[in-house]
C-alpha atoms as a PDB file:
ATOM      1  CA  MET A   1     -14.153 -16.186   3.049  1.00  0.00           C
ATOM      2  CA  LEU A   2     -15.722 -14.288   0.328  1.00  0.00           C
ATOM      3  CA  MET A   3     -13.227 -10.628   0.539  1.00  0.00           C
ATOM      4  CA  PRO A   4      -9.678 -11.479   0.599  1.00  0.00           C
ATOM      5  CA  LYS A   5      -7.888 -10.370   3.831  1.00  0.00           C
ATOM      6  CA  SER A   6      -5.372  -7.469   3.897  1.00  0.00           C
ATOM      7  CA  LYS A   7      -1.805  -8.267   4.875  1.00  0.00           C
ATOM      8  CA  LYS A   8      -2.245  -5.771   7.898  1.00  0.00           C
ATOM      9  CA  LYS A   9      -5.396  -7.890   8.956  1.00  0.00           C
ATOM     10  CA  LEU A  10      -3.655 -11.179   8.693  1.00  0.00           C
ATOM     11  CA  LEU A  11      -0.724  -9.594  10.655  1.00  0.00           C
ATOM     12  CA  SER A  12      -2.975  -8.783  13.338  1.00  0.00           C
ATOM     13  CA  GLU A  13      -4.364 -11.989  13.248  1.00  0.00           C
ATOM     14  CA  GLY A  14      -1.103 -13.462  14.060  1.00  0.00           C
ATOM     15  CA  TYR A  15      -0.360 -14.786  10.464  1.00  0.00           C
ATOM     16  CA  THR A  16       3.344 -14.169   9.819  1.00  0.00           C
ATOM     17  CA  HIS A  17       4.105 -16.246   6.462  1.00  0.00           C
ATOM     18  CA  TYR A  18       2.878 -17.639   3.455  1.00  0.00           C
ATOM     19  CA  GLY A  19       3.119 -21.666   3.021  1.00  0.00           C
ATOM     20  CA  LYS A  20       1.594 -24.727   1.541  1.00  0.00           C
ATOM     21  CA  LEU A  21       0.181 -27.661   3.366  1.00  0.00           C
ATOM     22  CA  TRP A  22      -0.349 -30.672   1.493  1.00  0.00           C
ATOM     23  CA  GLY A  23       0.071 -28.458  -1.668  1.00  0.00           C
ATOM     24  CA  ILE A  24      -2.384 -26.070  -0.356  1.00  0.00           C
ATOM     25  CA  PRO A  25      -1.598 -22.432  -0.346  1.00  0.00           C
ATOM     26  CA  VAL A  26      -2.165 -21.323   3.285  1.00  0.00           C
ATOM     27  CA  TYR A  27      -1.177 -18.501   5.759  1.00  0.00           C
ATOM     28  CA  VAL A  28       0.906 -19.543   8.529  1.00  0.00           C
ATOM     29  CA  GLY A  29       1.271 -18.037  12.255  1.00  0.00           C
ATOM     30  CA  ASP A  30       3.381 -18.885  15.438  1.00  0.00           C
ATOM     31  CA  ILE A  31       5.883 -20.869  13.234  1.00  0.00           C
ATOM     32  CA  ASP A  32       8.117 -21.459  16.340  1.00  0.00           C
ATOM     33  CA  SER A  33       5.678 -23.379  18.203  1.00  0.00           C
ATOM     34  CA  VAL A  34       4.838 -27.258  18.364  1.00  0.00           C
ATOM     35  CA  ALA A  35       1.308 -26.151  17.102  1.00  0.00           C
ATOM     36  CA  PRO A  36       1.453 -23.427  14.520  1.00  0.00           C
ATOM     37  CA  ILE A  37      -1.936 -21.744  13.315  1.00  0.00           C
ATOM     38  CA  ILE A  38      -2.791 -22.193   9.900  1.00  0.00           C
ATOM     39  CA  GLN A  39      -5.713 -20.825   7.454  1.00  0.00           C
ATOM     40  CA  THR A  40      -6.296 -21.575   3.934  1.00  0.00           C
ATOM     41  CA  ALA A  41      -5.598 -18.793   1.491  1.00  0.00           C
ATOM     42  CA  ASN A  42      -6.609 -17.901  -2.102  1.00  0.00           C
ATOM     43  CA  PHE A  43     -10.440 -18.245  -1.222  1.00  0.00           C
ATOM     44  CA  ILE A  44     -10.030 -21.988  -0.696  1.00  0.00           C
ATOM     45  CA  PRO A  45     -12.666 -23.080   2.135  1.00  0.00           C
ATOM     46  CA  GLN A  46     -11.387 -24.565   5.145  1.00  0.00           C
ATOM     47  CA  TRP A  47     -12.915 -28.186   4.621  1.00  0.00           C
ATOM     48  CA  VAL A  48     -10.518 -28.496   1.338  1.00  0.00           C
ATOM     49  CA  LEU A  49      -7.684 -28.550   3.817  1.00  0.00           C
ATOM     50  CA  ASP A  50      -9.593 -30.946   6.599  1.00  0.00           C
ATOM     51  CA  VAL A  51     -10.406 -33.350   3.457  1.00  0.00           C
ATOM     52  CA  ALA A  52      -6.606 -33.430   2.593  1.00  0.00           C
ATOM     53  CA  ASP A  53      -5.633 -34.008   6.136  1.00  0.00           C
ATOM     54  CA  TYR A  54      -7.877 -36.860   6.165  1.00  0.00           C
ATOM     55  CA  ILE A  55      -6.772 -38.536   3.106  1.00  0.00           C
ATOM     56  CA  CYS A  56      -3.013 -37.755   3.497  1.00  0.00           C
ATOM     57  CA  PHE A  57      -3.015 -39.129   7.218  1.00  0.00           C
ATOM     58  CA  THR A  58      -4.925 -42.277   6.067  1.00  0.00           C
ATOM     59  CA  MET A  59      -2.373 -43.128   3.471  1.00  0.00           C
ATOM     60  CA  LEU A  60       0.476 -42.284   6.102  1.00  0.00           C
ATOM     61  CA  SER A  61      -1.127 -44.796   8.698  1.00  0.00           C
ATOM     62  CA  TYR A  62      -1.069 -47.379   5.736  1.00  0.00           C
ATOM     63  CA  LYS A  63       2.469 -46.776   5.257  1.00  0.00           C
ATOM     64  CA  TYR A  64       3.318 -46.931   8.907  1.00  0.00           C
ATOM     65  CA  ARG A  65       1.518 -50.440   9.287  1.00  0.00           C
ATOM     66  CA  ASP A  66       3.672 -51.613   6.527  1.00  0.00           C
ATOM     67  CA  ASP A  67       6.792 -50.319   7.791  1.00  0.00           C
ATOM     68  CA  PRO A  68       7.232 -49.989  11.635  1.00  0.00           C
ATOM     69  CA  SER A  69      10.318 -48.341  11.534  1.00  0.00           C
ATOM     70  CA  PHE A  70       8.973 -45.327   8.904  1.00  0.00           C
ATOM     71  CA  GLU A  71       8.541 -41.866  10.991  1.00  0.00           C
ATOM     72  CA  PRO A  72       6.261 -39.830   9.218  1.00  0.00           C
ATOM     73  CA  GLY A  73       6.501 -35.899   8.969  1.00  0.00           C
ATOM     74  CA  PHE A  74       4.598 -33.127   8.767  1.00  0.00           C
ATOM     75  CA  PRO A  75       4.705 -31.631   5.241  1.00  0.00           C
ATOM     76  CA  ILE A  76       4.710 -28.230   5.664  1.00  0.00           C
ATOM     77  CA  TYR A  77       6.102 -25.618   3.394  1.00  0.00           C
ATOM     78  CA  ILE A  78       7.114 -22.106   4.981  1.00  0.00           C
ATOM     79  CA  GLY A  79       7.330 -19.538   2.385  1.00  0.00           C
ATOM     80  CA  LYS A  80       7.991 -15.807   2.319  1.00  0.00           C
ATOM     81  CA  PRO A  81       6.973 -13.740   5.240  1.00  0.00           C
ATOM     82  CA  ILE A  82       3.937 -11.783   5.060  1.00  0.00           C
ATOM     83  CA  LYS A  83       4.971  -7.861   4.938  1.00  0.00           C
ATOM     84  CA  ALA A  84       2.666  -4.850   5.850  1.00  0.00           C
ATOM     85  CA  GLU A  85       1.936  -2.622   3.414  1.00  0.00           C
ATOM     86  CA  GLU A  86       3.577   0.571   3.507  1.00  0.00           C
END
């Protein structure tokens, strides 16, 4: 993604909020569902999020292996809503 997407374009694609996943800025949509849609923001390539997922889920699997009662969460921060420019 070389050109930033406008707020109108993000809203038309279904993204409704700004957020962070593993500390990486993202656009988030369909936040009330079991599987929200997520896309990286601020010129960050999608593969960065894929690498972060792999690293963090690997660390969580080690934690679960050592502590079977551990219940991993999904660390996603939902920030302010995306508002269309008027």
